[in-house]
């Protein structure tokens, strides 16, 4: 007799119950949270730019110095189960934000698709679409406002 398959951890555990490995695996590597963001002082609305943190490897969409990021980029925010629902600048596509809102992971998330490439195929990854913030003054940030692309529909086989 075969054992019934257990549900994936992100469907059975809260963010606070996840192991460090499970928590880290929720990051899909899109790079969106590493973009420079501007907040409208009047409305509080967050606007993304096409400028990435100087530590973002723009080809892999991973931090080039993850272990030391807080020391090298003092305003880098470490995501925790306690702060995820409070961070209004996390993109709607973010797995941490989705799970905190009671949603499930998107079809393109590597834990669902089984493939890291699905993030780029869905149009979620910023790979090849952004530049480094280095050399761009804060007074120029508004010149780099960028609308995040929406995820493409999955390709039917």
C-alpha atoms as a PDB file:
ATOM      1  CA  UNK A   1       0.000   0.000   0.000  1.00  0.00           C
ATOM      2  CA  UNK A   2       1.402   3.399  -0.951  1.00  0.00           C
ATOM      3  CA  UNK A   3       1.716   6.182   1.584  1.00  0.00           C
ATOM      4  CA  UNK A   4      -0.365   9.297   0.886  1.00  0.00           C
ATOM      5  CA  UNK A   5       1.764  12.223  -0.206  1.00  0.00           C
ATOM      6  CA  UNK A   6       2.081  14.889   2.443  1.00  0.00           C
ATOM      7  CA  UNK A   7       1.304  18.479   1.605  1.00  0.00           C
ATOM      8  CA  UNK A   8       4.263  20.789   0.947  1.00  0.00           C
ATOM      9  CA  UNK A   9       5.619  22.643   3.984  1.00  0.00           C
ATOM     10  CA  UNK A  10       4.370  26.066   2.809  1.00  0.00           C
ATOM     11  CA  UNK A  11       0.803  24.729   2.910  1.00  0.00           C
ATOM     12  CA  UNK A  12       1.074  23.141   6.364  1.00  0.00           C
ATOM     13  CA  UNK A  13       3.317  25.513   8.330  1.00  0.00           C
ATOM     14  CA  UNK A  14       3.086  29.143   9.249  1.00  0.00           C
ATOM     15  CA  UNK A  15       6.016  31.367   8.338  1.00  0.00           C
ATOM     16  CA  UNK A  16       7.107  31.282  12.001  1.00  0.00           C
ATOM     17  CA  UNK A  17       7.088  27.469  12.076  1.00  0.00           C
ATOM     18  CA  UNK A  18       9.399  27.068   9.086  1.00  0.00           C
ATOM     19  CA  UNK A  19      12.981  25.913   9.472  1.00  0.00           C
ATOM     20  CA  UNK A  20      15.719  28.294   8.285  1.00  0.00           C
ATOM     21  CA  UNK A  21      16.160  26.135   5.158  1.00  0.00           C
ATOM     22  CA  UNK A  22      12.433  26.207   4.383  1.00  0.00           C
ATOM     23  CA  UNK A  23      12.332  29.969   4.977  1.00  0.00           C
ATOM     24  CA  UNK A  24      15.243  30.623   2.617  1.00  0.00           C
ATOM     25  CA  UNK A  25      13.745  28.348  -0.054  1.00  0.00           C
ATOM     26  CA  UNK A  26      10.728  30.662  -0.255  1.00  0.00           C
ATOM     27  CA  UNK A  27      12.868  33.283  -1.981  1.00  0.00           C
ATOM     28  CA  UNK A  28      12.296  32.758  -5.699  1.00  0.00           C
ATOM     29  CA  UNK A  29      15.324  34.839  -6.689  1.00  0.00           C
ATOM     30  CA  UNK A  30      13.375  37.424  -8.688  1.00  0.00           C
ATOM     31  CA  UNK A  31      15.438  40.353  -7.353  1.00  0.00           C
ATOM     32  CA  UNK A  32      12.426  42.672  -7.062  1.00  0.00           C
ATOM     33  CA  UNK A  33      12.891  43.351  -3.359  1.00  0.00           C
ATOM     34  CA  UNK A  34      16.441  44.556  -4.099  1.00  0.00           C
ATOM     35  CA  UNK A  35      15.271  47.407  -6.327  1.00  0.00           C
ATOM     36  CA  UNK A  36      15.441  51.016  -5.185  1.00  0.00           C
ATOM     37  CA  UNK A  37      11.935  52.105  -4.250  1.00  0.00           C
ATOM     38  CA  UNK A  38      10.429  55.545  -3.759  1.00  0.00           C
ATOM     39  CA  UNK A  39       7.462  56.290  -1.532  1.00  0.00           C
ATOM     40  CA  UNK A  40       4.982  59.009  -2.447  1.00  0.00           C
ATOM     41  CA  UNK A  41       4.884  61.254   0.621  1.00  0.00           C
ATOM     42  CA  UNK A  42       1.225  62.153   0.072  1.00  0.00           C
ATOM     43  CA  UNK A  43      -0.258  58.734  -0.697  1.00  0.00           C
ATOM     44  CA  UNK A  44       2.274  56.302   0.760  1.00  0.00           C
ATOM     45  CA  UNK A  45       2.273  54.460  -2.569  1.00  0.00           C
ATOM     46  CA  UNK A  46       5.506  52.623  -3.373  1.00  0.00           C
ATOM     47  CA  UNK A  47       7.093  53.146  -6.782  1.00  0.00           C
ATOM     48  CA  UNK A  48       9.795  50.799  -8.038  1.00  0.00           C
ATOM     49  CA  UNK A  49      12.776  51.931 -10.073  1.00  0.00           C
ATOM     50  CA  UNK A  50      14.948  50.034 -12.515  1.00  0.00           C
ATOM     51  CA  UNK A  51      17.881  50.559 -10.142  1.00  0.00           C
ATOM     52  CA  UNK A  52      19.142  47.586  -8.147  1.00  0.00           C
ATOM     53  CA  UNK A  53      21.072  47.461  -4.905  1.00  0.00           C
ATOM     54  CA  UNK A  54      24.796  47.491  -5.528  1.00  0.00           C
ATOM     55  CA  UNK A  55      25.040  43.969  -4.074  1.00  0.00           C
ATOM     56  CA  UNK A  56      22.479  42.406  -6.416  1.00  0.00           C
ATOM     57  CA  UNK A  57      24.105  40.182  -9.016  1.00  0.00           C
ATOM     58  CA  UNK A  58      21.920  41.264 -11.919  1.00  0.00           C
ATOM     59  CA  UNK A  59      22.461  37.995 -13.826  1.00  0.00           C
ATOM     60  CA  UNK A  60      21.602  35.556 -11.039  1.00  0.00           C
ATOM     61  CA  UNK A  61      19.287  37.937  -9.118  1.00  0.00           C
ATOM     62  CA  UNK A  62      20.948  36.885  -5.883  1.00  0.00           C
ATOM     63  CA  UNK A  63      22.833  38.972  -3.343  1.00  0.00           C
ATOM     64  CA  UNK A  64      26.552  38.889  -4.065  1.00  0.00           C
ATOM     65  CA  UNK A  65      27.365  39.137  -0.339  1.00  0.00           C
ATOM     66  CA  UNK A  66      24.284  37.772   1.430  1.00  0.00           C
ATOM     67  CA  UNK A  67      26.093  36.964   4.695  1.00  0.00           C
ATOM     68  CA  UNK A  68      27.423  40.527   5.072  1.00  0.00           C
ATOM     69  CA  UNK A  69      24.650  42.486   3.364  1.00  0.00           C
ATOM     70  CA  UNK A  70      23.480  44.324   6.479  1.00  0.00           C
ATOM     71  CA  UNK A  71      26.984  45.600   7.222  1.00  0.00           C
ATOM     72  CA  UNK A  72      27.581  46.665   3.620  1.00  0.00           C
ATOM     73  CA  UNK A  73      24.104  48.092   2.986  1.00  0.00           C
ATOM     74  CA  UNK A  74      22.823  49.490   6.293  1.00  0.00           C
ATOM     75  CA  UNK A  75      19.253  49.971   5.037  1.00  0.00           C
ATOM     76  CA  UNK A  76      18.969  46.364   3.802  1.00  0.00           C
ATOM     77  CA  UNK A  77      15.952  44.874   5.554  1.00  0.00           C
ATOM     78  CA  UNK A  78      16.140  41.300   6.808  1.00  0.00           C
ATOM     79  CA  UNK A  79      12.793  39.596   6.226  1.00  0.00           C
ATOM     80  CA  UNK A  80      11.324  37.792   9.219  1.00  0.00           C
ATOM     81  CA  UNK A  81       7.991  36.117   9.917  1.00  0.00           C
ATOM     82  CA  UNK A  82       7.248  39.081  12.194  1.00  0.00           C
ATOM     83  CA  UNK A  83       7.903  41.882   9.685  1.00  0.00           C
ATOM     84  CA  UNK A  84       6.809  40.447   6.330  1.00  0.00           C
ATOM     85  CA  UNK A  85       3.184  41.568   6.626  1.00  0.00           C
ATOM     86  CA  UNK A  86       4.259  45.073   7.634  1.00  0.00           C
ATOM     87  CA  UNK A  87       6.592  45.702   4.672  1.00  0.00           C
ATOM     88  CA  UNK A  88       4.399  47.495   2.155  1.00  0.00           C
ATOM     89  CA  UNK A  89       7.253  47.651  -0.366  1.00  0.00           C
ATOM     90  CA  UNK A  90       7.463  43.906  -0.925  1.00  0.00           C
ATOM     91  CA  UNK A  91       6.089  43.191  -4.394  1.00  0.00           C
ATOM     92  CA  UNK A  92       2.732  41.410  -4.590  1.00  0.00           C
ATOM     93  CA  UNK A  93       4.507  38.507  -6.302  1.00  0.00           C
ATOM     94  CA  UNK A  94       6.768  37.874  -3.274  1.00  0.00           C
ATOM     95  CA  UNK A  95       6.281  34.406  -1.765  1.00  0.00           C
ATOM     96  CA  UNK A  96       6.726  35.728   1.767  1.00  0.00           C
ATOM     97  CA  UNK A  97       4.067  38.368   1.202  1.00  0.00           C
ATOM     98  CA  UNK A  98       1.707  35.922  -0.529  1.00  0.00           C
ATOM     99  CA  UNK A  99       1.929  33.379   2.292  1.00  0.00           C
ATOM    100  CA  UNK A 100       1.538  36.085   4.956  1.00  0.00           C
ATOM    101  CA  UNK A 101      -1.688  37.110   3.194  1.00  0.00           C
ATOM    102  CA  UNK A 102      -3.021  33.547   3.177  1.00  0.00           C
ATOM    103  CA  UNK A 103      -2.363  33.044  -0.542  1.00  0.00           C
ATOM    104  CA  UNK A 104      -0.460  30.134  -2.037  1.00  0.00           C
ATOM    105  CA  UNK A 105       2.720  30.225  -4.071  1.00  0.00           C
ATOM    106  CA  UNK A 106       2.387  31.244  -7.712  1.00  0.00           C
ATOM    107  CA  UNK A 107       2.635  28.649 -10.497  1.00  0.00           C
ATOM    108  CA  UNK A 108       6.065  29.917 -11.505  1.00  0.00           C
ATOM    109  CA  UNK A 109       7.647  29.656  -8.054  1.00  0.00           C
ATOM    110  CA  UNK A 110      10.504  27.096  -8.155  1.00  0.00           C
ATOM    111  CA  UNK A 111       8.994  25.148  -5.235  1.00  0.00           C
ATOM    112  CA  UNK A 112       5.832  24.682  -7.327  1.00  0.00           C
ATOM    113  CA  UNK A 113       7.303  24.372 -10.829  1.00  0.00           C
ATOM    114  CA  UNK A 114      10.396  22.443  -9.784  1.00  0.00           C
ATOM    115  CA  UNK A 115      12.517  24.736 -11.978  1.00  0.00           C
ATOM    116  CA  UNK A 116      14.418  27.938 -11.175  1.00  0.00           C
ATOM    117  CA  UNK A 117      14.010  29.051 -14.798  1.00  0.00           C
ATOM    118  CA  UNK A 118      10.237  29.402 -14.409  1.00  0.00           C
ATOM    119  CA  UNK A 119      10.713  32.724 -12.551  1.00  0.00           C
ATOM    120  CA  UNK A 120      12.340  34.294 -15.620  1.00  0.00           C
ATOM    121  CA  UNK A 121       9.962  32.534 -18.025  1.00  0.00           C
ATOM    122  CA  UNK A 122       7.011  34.071 -16.181  1.00  0.00           C
ATOM    123  CA  UNK A 123       8.528  37.553 -16.507  1.00  0.00           C
ATOM    124  CA  UNK A 124       8.943  37.974 -12.754  1.00  0.00           C
ATOM    125  CA  UNK A 125      12.752  38.079 -12.606  1.00  0.00           C
ATOM    126  CA  UNK A 126      14.504  41.436 -13.033  1.00  0.00           C
ATOM    127  CA  UNK A 127      17.461  39.688 -14.690  1.00  0.00           C
ATOM    128  CA  UNK A 128      18.774  41.768 -17.570  1.00  0.00           C
ATOM    129  CA  UNK A 129      16.211  44.531 -17.022  1.00  0.00           C
ATOM    130  CA  UNK A 130      17.804  46.706 -14.346  1.00  0.00           C
ATOM    131  CA  UNK A 131      21.038  48.537 -13.668  1.00  0.00           C
ATOM    132  CA  UNK A 132      23.043  49.096 -10.521  1.00  0.00           C
ATOM    133  CA  UNK A 133      22.267  52.037  -8.277  1.00  0.00           C
ATOM    134  CA  UNK A 134      25.982  52.810  -8.176  1.00  0.00           C
ATOM    135  CA  UNK A 135      26.785  56.110  -9.810  1.00  0.00           C
ATOM    136  CA  UNK A 136      23.168  57.305  -9.742  1.00  0.00           C
ATOM    137  CA  UNK A 137      22.448  60.149  -7.341  1.00  0.00           C
ATOM    138  CA  UNK A 138      19.273  60.183  -5.260  1.00  0.00           C
ATOM    139  CA  UNK A 139      18.142  63.277  -7.172  1.00  0.00           C
ATOM    140  CA  UNK A 140      18.051  61.102 -10.315  1.00  0.00           C
ATOM    141  CA  UNK A 141      15.968  58.236  -8.882  1.00  0.00           C
ATOM    142  CA  UNK A 142      12.696  59.611 -10.248  1.00  0.00           C
ATOM    143  CA  UNK A 143      14.178  59.387 -13.750  1.00  0.00           C
ATOM    144  CA  UNK A 144      14.335  55.613 -13.242  1.00  0.00           C
ATOM    145  CA  UNK A 145      10.741  54.878 -12.207  1.00  0.00           C
ATOM    146  CA  UNK A 146       9.695  51.488 -13.545  1.00  0.00           C
ATOM    147  CA  UNK A 147       6.460  49.532 -13.568  1.00  0.00           C
ATOM    148  CA  UNK A 148       7.065  45.955 -12.536  1.00  0.00           C
ATOM    149  CA  UNK A 149       5.888  43.558 -15.236  1.00  0.00           C
ATOM    150  CA  UNK A 150       3.012  41.248 -14.352  1.00  0.00           C
ATOM    151  CA  UNK A 151       3.558  37.518 -14.529  1.00  0.00           C
ATOM    152  CA  UNK A 152       2.804  35.929 -17.857  1.00  0.00           C
ATOM    153  CA  UNK A 153       0.286  33.111 -17.983  1.00  0.00           C
ATOM    154  CA  UNK A 154       1.692  29.595 -17.776  1.00  0.00           C
ATOM    155  CA  UNK A 155       2.357  27.899 -21.089  1.00  0.00           C
ATOM    156  CA  UNK A 156       0.012  24.950 -21.597  1.00  0.00           C
ATOM    157  CA  UNK A 157       1.629  21.781 -22.810  1.00  0.00           C
END
